[in-house]
Amino acid sequence: MKSKMILGVVAMVSSLAFSGCAVKTGNETLGKMDKTQLDRGIAKGKSTKDDVKAMLGDPDKTDFDNNGNEKWSYIHVRKDIKAVNFIPLVSLFVQGTNDTTKTLVVLFDDKGYVKNYIASDAHGETKGGLFQ
C-alpha cells in the first residue's frame, strides 16, 4: 500500500516535471503570434505607431536607422527545459534548454507610418553541465 502511494507521488511529480517547464522573457504577445497574424496586423504605409503599440505594447528597444527613420524592436524568448535535466547524476554532466527566439523590427517613416518590418524565428539550444 505504501509503495503504491510512493509510486503514485513519483509518477505525479514526473508528469509535472516533464509537462512543459519553460522560461519565457520579453514580449508575451509577440510570443503568441505567428507570421500570418503579424502580416494581418501590420500594413506597410497604413499602420501607424499607435496601431503597432496597440497590438504589441511598448517596444523592447527603440533606435534610428542610417536615414533617420525610427526603428522599434520587439523580442520574445522561450527556453524549454530538456528532459535530461531531470535524470539524477546525468544532469551533472549534460543539461540544457531548447530555445526559440522571436524578433520583430518595425521601421517607421517620418510621418509615423510603417515603412517596413521584418519578423524572424530562431531556434537553438543552451547547453550546460560538466561536458559542455
N, C-alpha and C. Protein backbone atom coordinates (compact mmCIF):
# COMPACT_ATOMS: atom_id res chain seq x y z
N MET A 1 0.82 -1.19 0.00
CA MET A 1 0.00 0.00 0.00
C MET A 1 0.87 1.26 0.00
N LYS A 2 1.88 1.29 0.89
CA LYS A 2 2.75 2.44 0.99
C LYS A 2 3.58 2.61 -0.29
N SER A 3 4.04 1.49 -0.87
CA SER A 3 4.83 1.59 -2.10
C SER A 3 3.99 2.08 -3.26
N LYS A 4 2.71 1.76 -3.30
CA LYS A 4 1.82 2.27 -4.36
C LYS A 4 1.64 3.77 -4.23
N MET A 5 1.55 4.24 -3.00
CA MET A 5 1.39 5.67 -2.77
C MET A 5 2.66 6.41 -3.20
N ILE A 6 3.82 5.87 -2.84
CA ILE A 6 5.09 6.50 -3.22
C ILE A 6 5.23 6.50 -4.74
N LEU A 7 4.89 5.39 -5.38
CA LEU A 7 4.95 5.29 -6.83
C LEU A 7 4.02 6.31 -7.48
N GLY A 8 2.83 6.50 -6.89
CA GLY A 8 1.88 7.48 -7.41
C GLY A 8 2.43 8.90 -7.30
N VAL A 9 3.05 9.21 -6.18
CA VAL A 9 3.63 10.54 -5.99
C VAL A 9 4.77 10.76 -6.97
N VAL A 10 5.63 9.77 -7.16
CA VAL A 10 6.73 9.88 -8.12
C VAL A 10 6.19 10.09 -9.53
N ALA A 11 5.17 9.34 -9.90
CA ALA A 11 4.56 9.49 -11.22
C ALA A 11 3.98 10.88 -11.41
N MET A 12 3.32 11.40 -10.40
CA MET A 12 2.71 12.73 -10.49
C MET A 12 3.79 13.81 -10.61
N VAL A 13 4.83 13.72 -9.79
CA VAL A 13 5.91 14.71 -9.85
C VAL A 13 6.61 14.64 -11.20
N SER A 14 6.85 13.42 -11.69
CA SER A 14 7.50 13.27 -13.00
C SER A 14 6.66 13.87 -14.11
N SER A 15 5.36 13.63 -14.09
CA SER A 15 4.50 14.18 -15.14
C SER A 15 4.47 15.70 -15.09
N LEU A 16 4.49 16.27 -13.90
CA LEU A 16 4.55 17.72 -13.79
C LEU A 16 5.88 18.26 -14.28
N ALA A 17 6.95 17.54 -13.97
CA ALA A 17 8.28 18.00 -14.37
C ALA A 17 8.45 17.99 -15.88
N PHE A 18 7.85 17.02 -16.55
CA PHE A 18 8.02 16.89 -17.99
C PHE A 18 6.89 17.55 -18.78
N SER A 19 5.99 18.24 -18.13
CA SER A 19 4.82 18.78 -18.82
C SER A 19 5.02 20.21 -19.29
N GLY A 20 6.18 20.53 -19.78
CA GLY A 20 6.37 21.83 -20.41
C GLY A 20 6.98 22.88 -19.52
N CYS A 21 7.98 22.52 -18.76
CA CYS A 21 8.69 23.53 -17.98
C CYS A 21 9.36 24.48 -18.97
N ALA A 22 9.04 25.73 -18.85
CA ALA A 22 9.60 26.71 -19.79
C ALA A 22 9.81 28.03 -19.07
N VAL A 23 10.81 28.74 -19.53
CA VAL A 23 11.07 30.09 -19.06
C VAL A 23 10.83 31.00 -20.26
N LYS A 24 10.01 32.05 -20.04
CA LYS A 24 9.69 32.98 -21.11
C LYS A 24 10.10 34.38 -20.69
N THR A 25 10.71 35.12 -21.63
CA THR A 25 11.06 36.51 -21.37
C THR A 25 10.69 37.34 -22.58
N GLY A 26 10.52 38.62 -22.35
CA GLY A 26 10.23 39.53 -23.45
C GLY A 26 8.74 39.75 -23.66
N ASN A 27 8.39 40.11 -24.87
CA ASN A 27 7.02 40.48 -25.22
C ASN A 27 6.15 39.23 -25.39
N GLU A 28 5.29 38.99 -24.40
CA GLU A 28 4.45 37.79 -24.39
C GLU A 28 3.46 37.78 -25.57
N THR A 29 2.97 38.93 -25.97
CA THR A 29 2.04 38.99 -27.11
C THR A 29 2.73 38.52 -28.38
N LEU A 30 3.94 38.98 -28.62
CA LEU A 30 4.70 38.53 -29.79
C LEU A 30 4.93 37.02 -29.73
N GLY A 31 5.20 36.50 -28.54
CA GLY A 31 5.44 35.07 -28.38
C GLY A 31 4.25 34.22 -28.79
N LYS A 32 3.05 34.76 -28.69
CA LYS A 32 1.84 34.01 -29.03
C LYS A 32 1.43 34.19 -30.50
N MET A 33 2.08 35.10 -31.22
CA MET A 33 1.68 35.39 -32.59
C MET A 33 2.54 34.64 -33.60
N ASP A 34 1.94 34.33 -34.75
CA ASP A 34 2.72 33.75 -35.85
C ASP A 34 2.83 34.80 -36.97
N LYS A 35 3.55 34.46 -38.00
CA LYS A 35 3.81 35.41 -39.10
C LYS A 35 2.51 35.90 -39.75
N THR A 36 1.55 35.02 -39.92
CA THR A 36 0.27 35.39 -40.53
C THR A 36 -0.44 36.45 -39.71
N GLN A 37 -0.45 36.28 -38.40
CA GLN A 37 -1.10 37.27 -37.53
C GLN A 37 -0.39 38.62 -37.59
N LEU A 38 0.93 38.59 -37.67
CA LEU A 38 1.66 39.85 -37.79
C LEU A 38 1.36 40.53 -39.12
N ASP A 39 1.30 39.74 -40.20
CA ASP A 39 1.00 40.30 -41.52
C ASP A 39 -0.40 40.91 -41.57
N ARG A 40 -1.34 40.31 -40.85
CA ARG A 40 -2.70 40.87 -40.80
C ARG A 40 -2.76 42.13 -39.96
N GLY A 41 -1.89 42.23 -38.94
CA GLY A 41 -1.94 43.35 -38.01
C GLY A 41 -1.09 44.54 -38.39
N ILE A 42 -0.11 44.32 -39.26
CA ILE A 42 0.80 45.41 -39.65
C ILE A 42 0.76 45.56 -41.17
N ALA A 43 0.40 46.74 -41.63
CA ALA A 43 0.33 47.01 -43.07
C ALA A 43 1.28 48.16 -43.41
N LYS A 44 2.18 47.90 -44.34
CA LYS A 44 3.13 48.93 -44.78
C LYS A 44 2.36 50.11 -45.36
N GLY A 45 2.73 51.31 -44.92
CA GLY A 45 2.12 52.53 -45.43
C GLY A 45 0.76 52.85 -44.83
N LYS A 46 0.19 51.94 -44.04
CA LYS A 46 -1.14 52.17 -43.45
C LYS A 46 -1.11 52.16 -41.92
N SER A 47 -0.40 51.18 -41.35
CA SER A 47 -0.35 51.09 -39.89
C SER A 47 0.53 52.20 -39.33
N THR A 48 0.15 52.70 -38.17
CA THR A 48 0.89 53.78 -37.52
C THR A 48 1.58 53.25 -36.26
N LYS A 49 2.36 54.12 -35.64
CA LYS A 49 2.99 53.77 -34.38
C LYS A 49 1.94 53.38 -33.34
N ASP A 50 0.84 54.13 -33.31
CA ASP A 50 -0.23 53.83 -32.36
C ASP A 50 -0.83 52.45 -32.62
N ASP A 51 -0.98 52.08 -33.90
CA ASP A 51 -1.52 50.76 -34.24
C ASP A 51 -0.60 49.64 -33.74
N VAL A 52 0.69 49.81 -33.98
CA VAL A 52 1.66 48.79 -33.56
C VAL A 52 1.70 48.71 -32.04
N LYS A 53 1.67 49.86 -31.39
CA LYS A 53 1.70 49.88 -29.93
C LYS A 53 0.43 49.26 -29.34
N ALA A 54 -0.70 49.48 -29.99
CA ALA A 54 -1.96 48.87 -29.52
C ALA A 54 -1.92 47.35 -29.66
N MET A 55 -1.24 46.86 -30.70
CA MET A 55 -1.17 45.43 -30.94
C MET A 55 -0.14 44.74 -30.04
N LEU A 56 1.03 45.36 -29.83
CA LEU A 56 2.14 44.70 -29.14
C LEU A 56 2.62 45.39 -27.87
N GLY A 57 2.13 46.57 -27.59
CA GLY A 57 2.61 47.30 -26.43
C GLY A 57 3.87 48.08 -26.76
N ASP A 58 4.53 48.55 -25.71
CA ASP A 58 5.76 49.32 -25.90
C ASP A 58 6.87 48.43 -26.44
N PRO A 59 7.71 48.98 -27.32
CA PRO A 59 8.81 48.18 -27.87
C PRO A 59 9.87 47.89 -26.80
N ASP A 60 10.61 46.82 -27.02
CA ASP A 60 11.71 46.48 -26.12
C ASP A 60 12.91 47.40 -26.35
N LYS A 61 13.03 47.91 -27.59
CA LYS A 61 14.15 48.79 -27.93
C LYS A 61 13.70 49.75 -29.01
N THR A 62 14.13 51.00 -28.93
CA THR A 62 13.89 51.97 -29.99
C THR A 62 15.25 52.49 -30.46
N ASP A 63 15.29 52.82 -31.75
CA ASP A 63 16.55 53.23 -32.35
C ASP A 63 16.24 54.01 -33.62
N PHE A 64 17.25 54.49 -34.31
CA PHE A 64 17.10 55.13 -35.61
C PHE A 64 18.01 54.42 -36.60
N ASP A 65 17.55 54.30 -37.86
CA ASP A 65 18.41 53.72 -38.88
C ASP A 65 19.31 54.82 -39.46
N ASN A 66 20.12 54.48 -40.45
CA ASN A 66 21.06 55.45 -41.03
C ASN A 66 20.38 56.63 -41.71
N ASN A 67 19.10 56.45 -42.11
CA ASN A 67 18.36 57.53 -42.77
C ASN A 67 17.51 58.35 -41.80
N GLY A 68 17.63 58.07 -40.51
CA GLY A 68 16.88 58.83 -39.51
C GLY A 68 15.48 58.29 -39.26
N ASN A 69 15.12 57.14 -39.85
CA ASN A 69 13.81 56.54 -39.59
C ASN A 69 13.82 55.84 -38.24
N GLU A 70 12.71 56.03 -37.49
CA GLU A 70 12.61 55.39 -36.19
C GLU A 70 12.40 53.89 -36.35
N LYS A 71 13.06 53.13 -35.48
CA LYS A 71 13.02 51.67 -35.56
C LYS A 71 12.64 51.13 -34.18
N TRP A 72 11.59 50.28 -34.16
CA TRP A 72 11.16 49.63 -32.93
C TRP A 72 11.47 48.15 -33.01
N SER A 73 11.98 47.60 -31.93
CA SER A 73 12.29 46.16 -31.88
C SER A 73 11.53 45.50 -30.74
N TYR A 74 10.98 44.35 -31.06
CA TYR A 74 10.29 43.51 -30.08
C TYR A 74 10.97 42.14 -30.07
N ILE A 75 11.05 41.53 -28.89
CA ILE A 75 11.69 40.22 -28.79
C ILE A 75 10.96 39.36 -27.76
N HIS A 76 10.90 38.07 -28.04
CA HIS A 76 10.35 37.09 -27.09
C HIS A 76 11.23 35.85 -27.14
N VAL A 77 11.64 35.37 -25.98
CA VAL A 77 12.48 34.18 -25.88
C VAL A 77 11.77 33.15 -25.01
N ARG A 78 11.72 31.92 -25.51
CA ARG A 78 11.17 30.80 -24.75
C ARG A 78 12.25 29.73 -24.64
N LYS A 79 12.52 29.31 -23.40
CA LYS A 79 13.51 28.28 -23.13
C LYS A 79 12.79 27.08 -22.51
N ASP A 80 12.73 25.98 -23.27
CA ASP A 80 12.12 24.75 -22.78
C ASP A 80 13.19 23.85 -22.19
N ILE A 81 13.00 23.46 -20.96
CA ILE A 81 13.98 22.62 -20.27
C ILE A 81 14.00 21.23 -20.89
N LYS A 82 15.21 20.73 -21.16
CA LYS A 82 15.37 19.39 -21.73
C LYS A 82 15.09 18.33 -20.67
N ALA A 83 14.55 17.19 -21.10
CA ALA A 83 14.21 16.10 -20.20
C ALA A 83 15.44 15.57 -19.46
N VAL A 84 16.61 15.63 -20.09
CA VAL A 84 17.83 15.10 -19.47
C VAL A 84 18.15 15.83 -18.17
N ASN A 85 17.65 17.05 -18.01
CA ASN A 85 17.89 17.82 -16.78
C ASN A 85 17.32 17.14 -15.55
N PHE A 86 16.34 16.26 -15.74
CA PHE A 86 15.65 15.63 -14.62
C PHE A 86 16.19 14.24 -14.29
N ILE A 87 17.22 13.81 -14.99
CA ILE A 87 17.80 12.49 -14.72
C ILE A 87 18.92 12.66 -13.70
N PRO A 88 18.75 12.06 -12.52
CA PRO A 88 19.78 12.21 -11.48
C PRO A 88 21.16 11.80 -11.99
N LEU A 89 22.16 12.48 -11.55
CA LEU A 89 23.57 12.31 -11.90
C LEU A 89 23.88 12.70 -13.35
N VAL A 90 23.07 12.25 -14.31
CA VAL A 90 23.31 12.58 -15.72
C VAL A 90 23.27 14.10 -15.90
N SER A 91 22.35 14.76 -15.19
CA SER A 91 22.20 16.21 -15.34
C SER A 91 23.42 16.98 -14.83
N LEU A 92 24.28 16.33 -14.05
CA LEU A 92 25.54 16.99 -13.65
C LEU A 92 26.47 17.16 -14.83
N PHE A 93 26.37 16.24 -15.80
CA PHE A 93 27.29 16.22 -16.93
C PHE A 93 26.70 16.85 -18.20
N VAL A 94 25.40 16.66 -18.41
CA VAL A 94 24.74 17.17 -19.62
C VAL A 94 23.38 17.74 -19.22
N GLN A 95 23.13 18.98 -19.59
CA GLN A 95 21.83 19.60 -19.34
C GLN A 95 21.65 20.76 -20.31
N GLY A 96 20.46 21.32 -20.33
CA GLY A 96 20.25 22.47 -21.21
C GLY A 96 18.80 22.77 -21.49
N THR A 97 18.62 23.67 -22.45
CA THR A 97 17.28 24.09 -22.87
C THR A 97 17.23 24.15 -24.39
N ASN A 98 16.03 23.96 -24.92
CA ASN A 98 15.75 24.22 -26.33
C ASN A 98 15.15 25.62 -26.39
N ASP A 99 15.74 26.47 -27.20
CA ASP A 99 15.39 27.89 -27.20
C ASP A 99 14.73 28.32 -28.50
N THR A 100 13.70 29.15 -28.37
CA THR A 100 13.06 29.77 -29.52
C THR A 100 13.05 31.28 -29.28
N THR A 101 13.58 32.03 -30.23
CA THR A 101 13.62 33.49 -30.13
C THR A 101 12.84 34.08 -31.29
N LYS A 102 11.82 34.86 -30.96
CA LYS A 102 11.04 35.59 -31.98
C LYS A 102 11.45 37.05 -31.91
N THR A 103 11.69 37.62 -33.07
CA THR A 103 12.09 39.02 -33.15
C THR A 103 11.24 39.73 -34.20
N LEU A 104 10.84 40.95 -33.89
CA LEU A 104 10.12 41.79 -34.83
C LEU A 104 10.78 43.16 -34.82
N VAL A 105 11.14 43.66 -35.99
CA VAL A 105 11.70 45.00 -36.13
C VAL A 105 10.79 45.77 -37.08
N VAL A 106 10.32 46.94 -36.62
CA VAL A 106 9.40 47.77 -37.40
C VAL A 106 10.08 49.11 -37.66
N LEU A 107 10.10 49.50 -38.94
CA LEU A 107 10.70 50.77 -39.36
C LEU A 107 9.58 51.74 -39.73
N PHE A 108 9.63 52.95 -39.18
CA PHE A 108 8.58 53.95 -39.44
C PHE A 108 9.14 55.09 -40.29
N ASP A 109 8.27 55.66 -41.14
CA ASP A 109 8.69 56.83 -41.93
C ASP A 109 8.57 58.08 -41.06
N ASP A 110 8.89 59.22 -41.63
CA ASP A 110 8.90 60.47 -40.85
C ASP A 110 7.51 60.93 -40.42
N LYS A 111 6.45 60.33 -40.98
CA LYS A 111 5.08 60.67 -40.58
C LYS A 111 4.50 59.67 -39.58
N GLY A 112 5.29 58.67 -39.20
CA GLY A 112 4.85 57.72 -38.19
C GLY A 112 4.13 56.49 -38.74
N TYR A 113 4.20 56.29 -40.07
CA TYR A 113 3.58 55.10 -40.69
C TYR A 113 4.64 54.01 -40.86
N VAL A 114 4.18 52.77 -40.84
CA VAL A 114 5.10 51.65 -41.03
C VAL A 114 5.69 51.71 -42.43
N LYS A 115 6.99 51.82 -42.50
CA LYS A 115 7.69 51.84 -43.78
C LYS A 115 8.04 50.42 -44.19
N ASN A 116 8.46 49.61 -43.22
CA ASN A 116 8.81 48.22 -43.47
C ASN A 116 8.90 47.50 -42.13
N TYR A 117 8.86 46.19 -42.17
CA TYR A 117 9.06 45.40 -40.96
C TYR A 117 9.56 44.01 -41.34
N ILE A 118 10.19 43.38 -40.37
CA ILE A 118 10.68 42.03 -40.58
C ILE A 118 10.51 41.25 -39.28
N ALA A 119 10.04 40.02 -39.42
CA ALA A 119 9.87 39.13 -38.27
C ALA A 119 10.68 37.88 -38.51
N SER A 120 11.26 37.34 -37.44
CA SER A 120 12.04 36.11 -37.59
C SER A 120 11.86 35.22 -36.37
N ASP A 121 12.02 33.93 -36.61
CA ASP A 121 12.03 32.91 -35.55
C ASP A 121 13.37 32.21 -35.63
N ALA A 122 14.06 32.14 -34.52
CA ALA A 122 15.34 31.42 -34.47
C ALA A 122 15.24 30.31 -33.43
N HIS A 123 15.78 29.15 -33.79
CA HIS A 123 15.76 28.00 -32.89
C HIS A 123 17.19 27.62 -32.56
N GLY A 124 17.43 27.34 -31.30
CA GLY A 124 18.76 26.95 -30.86
C GLY A 124 18.68 26.20 -29.54
N GLU A 125 19.80 26.10 -28.89
CA GLU A 125 19.80 25.43 -27.60
C GLU A 125 20.87 26.04 -26.71
N THR A 126 20.66 25.91 -25.42
CA THR A 126 21.64 26.29 -24.43
C THR A 126 22.11 25.01 -23.77
N LYS A 127 23.44 24.84 -23.70
CA LYS A 127 23.99 23.63 -23.11
C LYS A 127 24.71 23.96 -21.82
N GLY A 128 24.65 23.03 -20.89
CA GLY A 128 25.33 23.18 -19.61
C GLY A 128 25.81 21.84 -19.11
N GLY A 129 26.42 21.86 -17.95
CA GLY A 129 26.95 20.63 -17.38
C GLY A 129 28.45 20.53 -17.56
N LEU A 130 29.04 19.53 -16.95
CA LEU A 130 30.50 19.36 -16.97
C LEU A 130 31.06 19.05 -18.35
N PHE A 131 30.29 18.41 -19.22
CA PHE A 131 30.79 18.03 -20.54
C PHE A 131 30.39 19.01 -21.64
N GLN A 132 29.98 20.19 -21.30
CA GLN A 132 29.57 21.15 -22.32
C GLN A 132 30.57 22.24 -22.47
